[in-house]
Amino acid sequence: MIVRQEQPEDKEGIFELNALAFGQEDEGQIVDKIRTGENYIPELSLVLAHEDKIMGHILFSKAKIKGEQEHETLVLAPMAITPTFQKRGMGSLLLREGLRTAEKMGFESIFVLGHPEYYPKFGFKKASDWNIKCPFEAPDNAFMAIELVEGALSNKEGVVEYDEAFQETS
């Protein structure tokens, strides 16, 4: 198993993986739409590959915290692991590599709408702790953030504005 940047030939495998992992095509459609827009960061679309098969995928894309001022951030979505490989540390491997890569690239924070029992293991906390809100209806403890740079979210507040692909598909 290796973690590497997505390649053009991975597109179909990533779509199929998301459909399999989520039981629908919405997440694969989101990935396809983000790839064509200004919020796509090729270095932050990572795959977990075994031989030539895509076993996992994680995508981080640019977003904004919109309040009195506007601040650049990242959102993590989606993350998918082949069902037979779930609960074996594959998601952790992808997530850790994505966090490292984002930090090396100079990004300061990341938001995720996800399982409140999973993401805190990696340092994510409720976004509401910083007075930052989710643009979608979601439980408070499911919308989380991590500071890649200590204090990055201090004195920032508002609503996270995701790529249009999320509104079009959700």
N, C-alpha and C. Protein backbone atom coordinates (compact mmCIF):
# COMPACT_ATOMS: atom_id res chain seq x y z
N MET A 1 0.84 -1.19 0.00
CA MET A 1 0.00 0.00 0.00
C MET A 1 0.87 1.24 0.00
N ILE A 2 0.56 2.15 -0.88
CA ILE A 2 1.27 3.43 -0.89
C ILE A 2 0.26 4.58 -0.94
N VAL A 3 0.63 5.71 -0.35
CA VAL A 3 -0.16 6.93 -0.45
C VAL A 3 0.58 7.81 -1.45
N ARG A 4 -0.17 8.29 -2.44
CA ARG A 4 0.42 9.15 -3.46
C ARG A 4 -0.62 10.13 -3.97
N GLN A 5 -0.13 11.13 -4.68
CA GLN A 5 -1.02 12.11 -5.29
C GLN A 5 -1.84 11.44 -6.38
N GLU A 6 -3.10 11.83 -6.47
CA GLU A 6 -3.97 11.33 -7.53
C GLU A 6 -3.36 11.62 -8.90
N GLN A 7 -3.50 10.67 -9.81
CA GLN A 7 -3.05 10.82 -11.19
C GLN A 7 -4.28 10.82 -12.11
N PRO A 8 -4.17 11.38 -13.33
CA PRO A 8 -5.33 11.42 -14.23
C PRO A 8 -5.99 10.05 -14.44
N GLU A 9 -5.19 9.00 -14.49
CA GLU A 9 -5.76 7.67 -14.73
C GLU A 9 -6.50 7.11 -13.51
N ASP A 10 -6.46 7.80 -12.38
CA ASP A 10 -7.14 7.36 -11.16
C ASP A 10 -8.60 7.82 -11.10
N LYS A 11 -8.99 8.73 -11.99
CA LYS A 11 -10.30 9.38 -11.91
C LYS A 11 -11.46 8.38 -11.81
N GLU A 12 -11.49 7.41 -12.69
CA GLU A 12 -12.59 6.43 -12.70
C GLU A 12 -12.58 5.58 -11.42
N GLY A 13 -11.40 5.15 -10.99
CA GLY A 13 -11.28 4.36 -9.77
C GLY A 13 -11.73 5.11 -8.54
N ILE A 14 -11.44 6.42 -8.49
CA ILE A 14 -11.86 7.25 -7.36
C ILE A 14 -13.38 7.39 -7.34
N PHE A 15 -13.97 7.59 -8.52
CA PHE A 15 -15.42 7.69 -8.60
C PHE A 15 -16.08 6.39 -8.11
N GLU A 16 -15.58 5.26 -8.60
CA GLU A 16 -16.13 3.95 -8.20
C GLU A 16 -15.94 3.69 -6.70
N LEU A 17 -14.79 4.05 -6.18
CA LEU A 17 -14.53 3.89 -4.75
C LEU A 17 -15.52 4.68 -3.91
N ASN A 18 -15.76 5.94 -4.26
CA ASN A 18 -16.70 6.76 -3.50
C ASN A 18 -18.11 6.18 -3.58
N ALA A 19 -18.52 5.71 -4.75
CA ALA A 19 -19.85 5.11 -4.89
C ALA A 19 -19.97 3.87 -4.01
N LEU A 20 -18.94 3.06 -3.98
CA LEU A 20 -18.93 1.84 -3.16
C LEU A 20 -18.94 2.18 -1.67
N ALA A 21 -18.08 3.11 -1.26
CA ALA A 21 -17.95 3.46 0.16
C ALA A 21 -19.18 4.16 0.71
N PHE A 22 -19.83 5.00 -0.11
CA PHE A 22 -20.97 5.78 0.38
C PHE A 22 -22.32 5.25 -0.09
N GLY A 23 -22.31 4.27 -0.99
CA GLY A 23 -23.56 3.70 -1.47
C GLY A 23 -24.36 4.63 -2.36
N GLN A 24 -23.69 5.63 -2.94
CA GLN A 24 -24.33 6.59 -3.84
C GLN A 24 -23.25 7.28 -4.65
N GLU A 25 -23.65 8.04 -5.65
CA GLU A 25 -22.67 8.68 -6.53
C GLU A 25 -22.38 10.13 -6.18
N ASP A 26 -23.07 10.70 -5.17
CA ASP A 26 -22.92 12.12 -4.84
C ASP A 26 -21.47 12.52 -4.56
N GLU A 27 -20.78 11.75 -3.73
CA GLU A 27 -19.40 12.11 -3.36
C GLU A 27 -18.47 12.06 -4.57
N GLY A 28 -18.63 11.07 -5.42
CA GLY A 28 -17.83 11.00 -6.64
C GLY A 28 -18.10 12.18 -7.56
N GLN A 29 -19.36 12.61 -7.62
CA GLN A 29 -19.70 13.78 -8.44
C GLN A 29 -19.08 15.05 -7.85
N ILE A 30 -19.06 15.15 -6.52
CA ILE A 30 -18.42 16.30 -5.87
C ILE A 30 -16.94 16.36 -6.25
N VAL A 31 -16.25 15.22 -6.14
CA VAL A 31 -14.82 15.18 -6.49
C VAL A 31 -14.62 15.60 -7.94
N ASP A 32 -15.43 15.06 -8.85
CA ASP A 32 -15.30 15.40 -10.27
C ASP A 32 -15.49 16.90 -10.50
N LYS A 33 -16.46 17.51 -9.82
CA LYS A 33 -16.72 18.95 -9.99
C LYS A 33 -15.60 19.79 -9.39
N ILE A 34 -15.11 19.41 -8.23
CA ILE A 34 -14.03 20.18 -7.60
C ILE A 34 -12.79 20.16 -8.48
N ARG A 35 -12.49 19.03 -9.09
CA ARG A 35 -11.30 18.92 -9.96
C ARG A 35 -11.28 19.97 -11.06
N THR A 36 -12.43 20.41 -11.49
CA THR A 36 -12.50 21.35 -12.61
C THR A 36 -12.53 22.81 -12.18
N GLY A 37 -12.50 23.07 -10.87
CA GLY A 37 -12.64 24.43 -10.39
C GLY A 37 -11.40 25.02 -9.76
N GLU A 38 -11.54 26.24 -9.32
CA GLU A 38 -10.41 27.00 -8.75
C GLU A 38 -10.02 26.56 -7.34
N ASN A 39 -10.85 25.77 -6.68
CA ASN A 39 -10.56 25.34 -5.31
C ASN A 39 -9.82 24.00 -5.24
N TYR A 40 -9.54 23.42 -6.39
CA TYR A 40 -8.85 22.14 -6.46
C TYR A 40 -7.35 22.33 -6.25
N ILE A 41 -6.77 21.47 -5.44
CA ILE A 41 -5.34 21.47 -5.18
C ILE A 41 -4.85 20.05 -5.48
N PRO A 42 -4.23 19.84 -6.63
CA PRO A 42 -3.83 18.47 -7.01
C PRO A 42 -3.01 17.74 -5.95
N GLU A 43 -2.13 18.47 -5.26
CA GLU A 43 -1.28 17.84 -4.25
C GLU A 43 -2.05 17.35 -3.03
N LEU A 44 -3.31 17.80 -2.91
CA LEU A 44 -4.12 17.41 -1.75
C LEU A 44 -5.29 16.51 -2.14
N SER A 45 -5.16 15.84 -3.27
CA SER A 45 -6.05 14.76 -3.65
C SER A 45 -5.19 13.51 -3.63
N LEU A 46 -5.29 12.77 -2.54
CA LEU A 46 -4.40 11.64 -2.30
C LEU A 46 -5.14 10.31 -2.41
N VAL A 47 -4.43 9.32 -2.94
CA VAL A 47 -5.00 7.98 -3.03
C VAL A 47 -4.14 7.00 -2.25
N LEU A 48 -4.79 5.98 -1.76
CA LEU A 48 -4.13 4.83 -1.16
C LEU A 48 -4.24 3.74 -2.22
N ALA A 49 -3.10 3.32 -2.75
CA ALA A 49 -3.11 2.37 -3.86
C ALA A 49 -2.41 1.08 -3.48
N HIS A 50 -2.96 -0.01 -3.99
CA HIS A 50 -2.35 -1.33 -3.83
C HIS A 50 -2.30 -1.95 -5.22
N GLU A 51 -1.07 -2.16 -5.69
CA GLU A 51 -0.85 -2.55 -7.08
C GLU A 51 -1.51 -1.48 -7.93
N ASP A 52 -2.36 -1.70 -8.83
CA ASP A 52 -2.95 -0.59 -9.59
C ASP A 52 -4.37 -0.27 -9.16
N LYS A 53 -4.76 -0.73 -7.98
CA LYS A 53 -6.13 -0.55 -7.50
C LYS A 53 -6.19 0.56 -6.45
N ILE A 54 -7.19 1.43 -6.59
CA ILE A 54 -7.41 2.50 -5.62
C ILE A 54 -8.21 1.94 -4.45
N MET A 55 -7.61 1.94 -3.26
CA MET A 55 -8.26 1.40 -2.06
C MET A 55 -8.78 2.51 -1.14
N GLY A 56 -8.29 3.72 -1.35
CA GLY A 56 -8.71 4.84 -0.54
C GLY A 56 -8.45 6.15 -1.25
N HIS A 57 -9.19 7.18 -0.86
CA HIS A 57 -9.03 8.52 -1.44
C HIS A 57 -9.42 9.55 -0.40
N ILE A 58 -8.67 10.65 -0.38
CA ILE A 58 -9.00 11.79 0.47
C ILE A 58 -8.79 13.05 -0.35
N LEU A 59 -9.69 14.01 -0.17
CA LEU A 59 -9.61 15.27 -0.91
C LEU A 59 -9.73 16.44 0.05
N PHE A 60 -8.79 17.37 -0.06
CA PHE A 60 -8.85 18.64 0.64
C PHE A 60 -8.98 19.71 -0.44
N SER A 61 -9.90 20.65 -0.27
CA SER A 61 -10.04 21.73 -1.25
C SER A 61 -10.11 23.07 -0.52
N LYS A 62 -9.83 24.12 -1.28
CA LYS A 62 -9.85 25.47 -0.71
C LYS A 62 -11.27 25.87 -0.35
N ALA A 63 -11.37 26.64 0.72
CA ALA A 63 -12.64 27.20 1.17
C ALA A 63 -12.33 28.54 1.83
N LYS A 64 -13.39 29.22 2.26
CA LYS A 64 -13.21 30.51 2.93
C LYS A 64 -14.03 30.53 4.22
N ILE A 65 -13.48 31.19 5.21
CA ILE A 65 -14.25 31.53 6.40
C ILE A 65 -14.75 32.94 6.13
N LYS A 66 -16.07 33.10 6.04
CA LYS A 66 -16.64 34.40 5.71
C LYS A 66 -17.35 34.98 6.93
N GLY A 67 -16.83 36.08 7.37
CA GLY A 67 -17.41 36.84 8.47
C GLY A 67 -17.22 38.31 8.14
N GLU A 68 -16.82 39.10 9.13
CA GLU A 68 -16.51 40.50 8.83
C GLU A 68 -15.33 40.57 7.87
N GLN A 69 -14.44 39.61 7.98
CA GLN A 69 -13.32 39.48 7.05
C GLN A 69 -13.39 38.10 6.42
N GLU A 70 -12.59 37.88 5.40
CA GLU A 70 -12.56 36.60 4.70
C GLU A 70 -11.18 35.98 4.89
N HIS A 71 -11.15 34.67 5.21
CA HIS A 71 -9.89 33.98 5.46
C HIS A 71 -9.88 32.66 4.69
N GLU A 72 -8.75 32.35 4.06
CA GLU A 72 -8.61 31.09 3.34
C GLU A 72 -8.42 29.94 4.32
N THR A 73 -9.00 28.81 4.00
CA THR A 73 -8.87 27.60 4.79
C THR A 73 -9.01 26.41 3.83
N LEU A 74 -9.01 25.22 4.39
CA LEU A 74 -9.28 24.00 3.61
C LEU A 74 -10.47 23.28 4.22
N VAL A 75 -11.14 22.49 3.38
CA VAL A 75 -12.14 21.55 3.88
C VAL A 75 -11.73 20.16 3.43
N LEU A 76 -11.97 19.19 4.28
CA LEU A 76 -11.68 17.79 4.00
C LEU A 76 -13.01 17.15 3.61
N ALA A 77 -13.12 16.71 2.38
CA ALA A 77 -14.31 16.00 1.94
C ALA A 77 -14.18 15.69 0.45
N PRO A 78 -14.48 14.51 0.09
CA PRO A 78 -14.77 13.36 0.94
C PRO A 78 -13.50 12.56 1.24
N MET A 79 -13.66 11.61 2.14
CA MET A 79 -12.63 10.60 2.39
C MET A 79 -13.34 9.26 2.29
N ALA A 80 -12.78 8.37 1.46
CA ALA A 80 -13.41 7.07 1.24
C ALA A 80 -12.36 5.96 1.28
N ILE A 81 -12.74 4.87 1.89
CA ILE A 81 -11.91 3.67 1.95
C ILE A 81 -12.76 2.50 1.46
N THR A 82 -12.17 1.62 0.66
CA THR A 82 -12.87 0.42 0.21
C THR A 82 -13.46 -0.28 1.45
N PRO A 83 -14.74 -0.61 1.45
CA PRO A 83 -15.37 -1.20 2.64
C PRO A 83 -14.61 -2.37 3.27
N THR A 84 -14.02 -3.24 2.48
CA THR A 84 -13.29 -4.38 3.05
C THR A 84 -12.00 -3.96 3.76
N PHE A 85 -11.56 -2.72 3.54
CA PHE A 85 -10.34 -2.23 4.20
C PHE A 85 -10.63 -1.22 5.30
N GLN A 86 -11.91 -0.95 5.56
CA GLN A 86 -12.26 0.00 6.62
C GLN A 86 -11.93 -0.59 7.98
N LYS A 87 -11.67 0.30 8.93
CA LYS A 87 -11.34 -0.06 10.31
C LYS A 87 -10.02 -0.84 10.42
N ARG A 88 -9.11 -0.55 9.49
CA ARG A 88 -7.78 -1.18 9.50
C ARG A 88 -6.67 -0.14 9.50
N GLY A 89 -7.02 1.12 9.77
CA GLY A 89 -6.01 2.17 9.83
C GLY A 89 -5.71 2.85 8.50
N MET A 90 -6.42 2.47 7.44
CA MET A 90 -6.15 3.05 6.12
C MET A 90 -6.58 4.52 6.06
N GLY A 91 -7.74 4.83 6.64
CA GLY A 91 -8.19 6.22 6.69
C GLY A 91 -7.24 7.08 7.49
N SER A 92 -6.75 6.54 8.59
CA SER A 92 -5.77 7.26 9.43
C SER A 92 -4.51 7.58 8.64
N LEU A 93 -4.05 6.61 7.87
CA LEU A 93 -2.86 6.79 7.05
C LEU A 93 -3.06 7.92 6.04
N LEU A 94 -4.18 7.89 5.35
CA LEU A 94 -4.49 8.94 4.36
C LEU A 94 -4.64 10.30 5.04
N LEU A 95 -5.37 10.35 6.15
CA LEU A 95 -5.62 11.60 6.84
C LEU A 95 -4.32 12.22 7.35
N ARG A 96 -3.49 11.42 7.98
CA ARG A 96 -2.21 11.94 8.49
C ARG A 96 -1.33 12.49 7.37
N GLU A 97 -1.28 11.78 6.26
CA GLU A 97 -0.47 12.26 5.13
C GLU A 97 -1.06 13.55 4.57
N GLY A 98 -2.38 13.64 4.49
CA GLY A 98 -3.03 14.86 4.02
C GLY A 98 -2.76 16.05 4.94
N LEU A 99 -2.82 15.83 6.24
CA LEU A 99 -2.53 16.90 7.20
C LEU A 99 -1.08 17.37 7.06
N ARG A 100 -0.16 16.43 6.93
CA ARG A 100 1.27 16.77 6.76
C ARG A 100 1.49 17.58 5.48
N THR A 101 0.87 17.12 4.40
CA THR A 101 1.05 17.80 3.11
C THR A 101 0.46 19.21 3.16
N ALA A 102 -0.73 19.35 3.72
CA ALA A 102 -1.37 20.67 3.82
C ALA A 102 -0.52 21.62 4.65
N GLU A 103 0.03 21.13 5.74
CA GLU A 103 0.87 21.97 6.60
C GLU A 103 2.14 22.39 5.84
N LYS A 104 2.77 21.45 5.14
CA LYS A 104 3.98 21.76 4.36
C LYS A 104 3.69 22.81 3.28
N MET A 105 2.46 22.79 2.74
CA MET A 105 2.08 23.72 1.69
C MET A 105 1.73 25.10 2.25
N GLY A 106 1.70 25.23 3.57
CA GLY A 106 1.45 26.53 4.17
C GLY A 106 0.02 26.81 4.57
N PHE A 107 -0.86 25.82 4.48
CA PHE A 107 -2.24 26.02 4.93
C PHE A 107 -2.26 25.99 6.45
N GLU A 108 -3.17 26.77 7.03
CA GLU A 108 -3.17 26.94 8.48
C GLU A 108 -4.29 26.22 9.20
N SER A 109 -5.37 25.88 8.49
CA SER A 109 -6.51 25.24 9.15
C SER A 109 -7.29 24.39 8.17
N ILE A 110 -8.02 23.42 8.75
CA ILE A 110 -8.84 22.51 7.94
C ILE A 110 -10.15 22.27 8.69
N PHE A 111 -11.26 22.23 7.94
CA PHE A 111 -12.57 21.93 8.50
C PHE A 111 -13.08 20.62 7.92
N VAL A 112 -13.88 19.92 8.73
CA VAL A 112 -14.49 18.68 8.27
C VAL A 112 -15.87 18.54 8.90
N LEU A 113 -16.80 18.04 8.12
CA LEU A 113 -18.11 17.65 8.63
C LEU A 113 -18.09 16.14 8.65
N GLY A 114 -17.95 15.57 9.85
CA GLY A 114 -17.75 14.13 9.91
C GLY A 114 -18.07 13.54 11.27
N HIS A 115 -17.64 12.31 11.46
CA HIS A 115 -17.95 11.56 12.67
C HIS A 115 -17.24 12.17 13.89
N PRO A 116 -18.01 12.63 14.88
CA PRO A 116 -17.42 13.28 16.05
C PRO A 116 -16.56 12.37 16.91
N GLU A 117 -16.67 11.06 16.72
CA GLU A 117 -15.82 10.16 17.52
C GLU A 117 -14.52 9.81 16.78
N TYR A 118 -14.44 10.11 15.49
CA TYR A 118 -13.27 9.75 14.69
C TYR A 118 -12.23 10.88 14.61
N TYR A 119 -12.64 12.03 14.16
CA TYR A 119 -11.70 13.11 13.86
C TYR A 119 -10.98 13.72 15.07
N PRO A 120 -11.58 13.77 16.25
CA PRO A 120 -10.83 14.31 17.40
C PRO A 120 -9.53 13.55 17.70
N LYS A 121 -9.43 12.29 17.29
CA LYS A 121 -8.18 11.53 17.50
C LYS A 121 -7.01 12.17 16.78
N PHE A 122 -7.29 12.99 15.79
CA PHE A 122 -6.26 13.62 14.98
C PHE A 122 -6.06 15.10 15.34
N GLY A 123 -6.80 15.56 16.35
CA GLY A 123 -6.67 16.94 16.80
C GLY A 123 -7.80 17.87 16.40
N PHE A 124 -8.81 17.34 15.73
CA PHE A 124 -9.95 18.18 15.36
C PHE A 124 -10.80 18.48 16.59
N LYS A 125 -11.34 19.71 16.64
CA LYS A 125 -12.22 20.16 17.72
C LYS A 125 -13.45 20.81 17.10
N LYS A 126 -14.48 20.96 17.89
CA LYS A 126 -15.71 21.60 17.39
C LYS A 126 -15.37 22.99 16.83
N ALA A 127 -15.82 23.26 15.63
CA ALA A 127 -15.57 24.57 15.01
C ALA A 127 -16.26 25.69 15.80
N SER A 128 -17.35 25.34 16.46
CA SER A 128 -18.06 26.35 17.25
C SER A 128 -17.21 26.89 18.40
N ASP A 129 -16.16 26.14 18.80
CA ASP A 129 -15.24 26.65 19.83
C ASP A 129 -14.57 27.94 19.37
N TRP A 130 -14.47 28.13 18.04
CA TRP A 130 -13.90 29.36 17.48
C TRP A 130 -14.99 30.28 16.93
N ASN A 131 -16.24 29.97 17.20
CA ASN A 131 -17.37 30.74 16.69
C ASN A 131 -17.41 30.70 15.15
N ILE A 132 -17.09 29.52 14.62
CA ILE A 132 -17.16 29.31 13.17
C ILE A 132 -18.24 28.27 12.91
N LYS A 133 -19.09 28.59 11.94
CA LYS A 133 -20.28 27.77 11.70
C LYS A 133 -20.21 27.02 10.38
N CYS A 134 -20.98 25.95 10.36
CA CYS A 134 -21.13 25.11 9.17
C CYS A 134 -22.22 25.72 8.27
N PRO A 135 -22.04 25.69 6.97
CA PRO A 135 -23.07 26.22 6.07
C PRO A 135 -24.25 25.26 5.87
N PHE A 136 -24.10 24.04 6.36
CA PHE A 136 -25.14 23.02 6.20
C PHE A 136 -25.75 22.73 7.57
N GLU A 137 -26.95 22.22 7.58
CA GLU A 137 -27.56 21.82 8.84
C GLU A 137 -26.84 20.55 9.33
N ALA A 138 -26.25 20.64 10.51
CA ALA A 138 -25.48 19.52 11.05
C ALA A 138 -25.37 19.67 12.56
N PRO A 139 -25.21 18.55 13.27
CA PRO A 139 -24.98 18.64 14.72
C PRO A 139 -23.70 19.42 15.01
N ASP A 140 -23.72 20.20 16.07
CA ASP A 140 -22.59 21.04 16.44
C ASP A 140 -21.29 20.24 16.55
N ASN A 141 -21.37 19.06 17.15
CA ASN A 141 -20.13 18.29 17.38
C ASN A 141 -19.62 17.58 16.12
N ALA A 142 -20.37 17.64 15.01
CA ALA A 142 -19.94 16.99 13.77
C ALA A 142 -19.17 17.93 12.84
N PHE A 143 -19.25 19.23 13.09
CA PHE A 143 -18.50 20.19 12.27
C PHE A 143 -17.28 20.60 13.07
N MET A 144 -16.12 20.19 12.57
CA MET A 144 -14.88 20.32 13.34
C MET A 144 -13.79 21.02 12.54
N ALA A 145 -12.78 21.46 13.27
CA ALA A 145 -11.63 22.13 12.65
C ALA A 145 -10.36 21.71 13.36
N ILE A 146 -9.26 21.87 12.65
CA ILE A 146 -7.94 21.67 13.23
C ILE A 146 -7.07 22.86 12.80
N GLU A 147 -6.28 23.35 13.74
CA GLU A 147 -5.31 24.38 13.43
C GLU A 147 -3.99 23.69 13.10
N LEU A 148 -3.51 23.89 11.89
CA LEU A 148 -2.20 23.35 11.51
C LEU A 148 -1.09 24.27 12.02
N VAL A 149 -1.47 25.52 12.25
CA VAL A 149 -0.60 26.52 12.85
C VAL A 149 -1.31 26.99 14.12
N GLU A 150 -0.64 26.87 15.24
CA GLU A 150 -1.26 27.25 16.51
C GLU A 150 -1.79 28.68 16.46
N GLY A 151 -3.04 28.86 16.87
CA GLY A 151 -3.67 30.18 16.88
C GLY A 151 -4.23 30.62 15.54
N ALA A 152 -4.18 29.77 14.54
CA ALA A 152 -4.63 30.14 13.19
C ALA A 152 -6.09 30.56 13.14
N LEU A 153 -6.92 30.01 14.02
CA LEU A 153 -8.35 30.35 13.99
C LEU A 153 -8.73 31.38 15.05
N SER A 154 -7.77 31.81 15.85
CA SER A 154 -8.05 32.85 16.84
C SER A 154 -8.48 34.12 16.13
N ASN A 155 -9.46 34.79 16.68
CA ASN A 155 -9.97 36.06 16.13
C ASN A 155 -10.56 35.92 14.73
N LYS A 156 -10.97 34.71 14.37
CA LYS A 156 -11.67 34.50 13.10
C LYS A 156 -13.04 33.94 13.45
N GLU A 157 -14.03 34.43 12.79
CA GLU A 157 -15.37 33.89 13.01
C GLU A 157 -16.16 34.05 11.73
N GLY A 158 -17.25 33.29 11.64
CA GLY A 158 -18.08 33.37 10.46
C GLY A 158 -18.58 31.99 10.05
N VAL A 159 -18.88 31.87 8.78
CA VAL A 159 -19.40 30.63 8.19
C VAL A 159 -18.40 30.15 7.16
N VAL A 160 -18.12 28.86 7.14
CA VAL A 160 -17.22 28.30 6.13
C VAL A 160 -17.98 28.19 4.82
N GLU A 161 -17.39 28.75 3.79
CA GLU A 161 -17.99 28.68 2.45
C GLU A 161 -17.26 27.61 1.65
N TYR A 162 -17.97 26.52 1.41
CA TYR A 162 -17.45 25.39 0.64
C TYR A 162 -17.52 25.68 -0.86
N ASP A 163 -16.81 24.91 -1.64
CA ASP A 163 -16.88 24.96 -3.09
C ASP A 163 -18.34 24.73 -3.51
N GLU A 164 -18.73 25.37 -4.62
CA GLU A 164 -20.10 25.23 -5.14
C GLU A 164 -20.49 23.78 -5.37
N ALA A 165 -19.55 22.91 -5.64
CA ALA A 165 -19.84 21.50 -5.90
C ALA A 165 -20.63 20.86 -4.75
N PHE A 166 -20.40 21.31 -3.53
CA PHE A 166 -21.10 20.75 -2.37
C PHE A 166 -22.57 21.19 -2.35
N GLN A 167 -22.85 22.43 -2.74
CA GLN A 167 -24.23 22.90 -2.77
C GLN A 167 -25.00 22.26 -3.92
N GLU A 168 -24.32 22.08 -5.06
CA GLU A 168 -24.97 21.50 -6.23
C GLU A 168 -25.36 20.06 -6.02
N THR A 169 -24.60 19.35 -5.20
CA THR A 169 -24.81 17.91 -5.03
C THR A 169 -25.59 17.58 -3.77
N SER A 170 -25.47 18.41 -2.72
CA SER A 170 -26.11 18.08 -1.44
C SER A 170 -27.59 18.34 -1.43
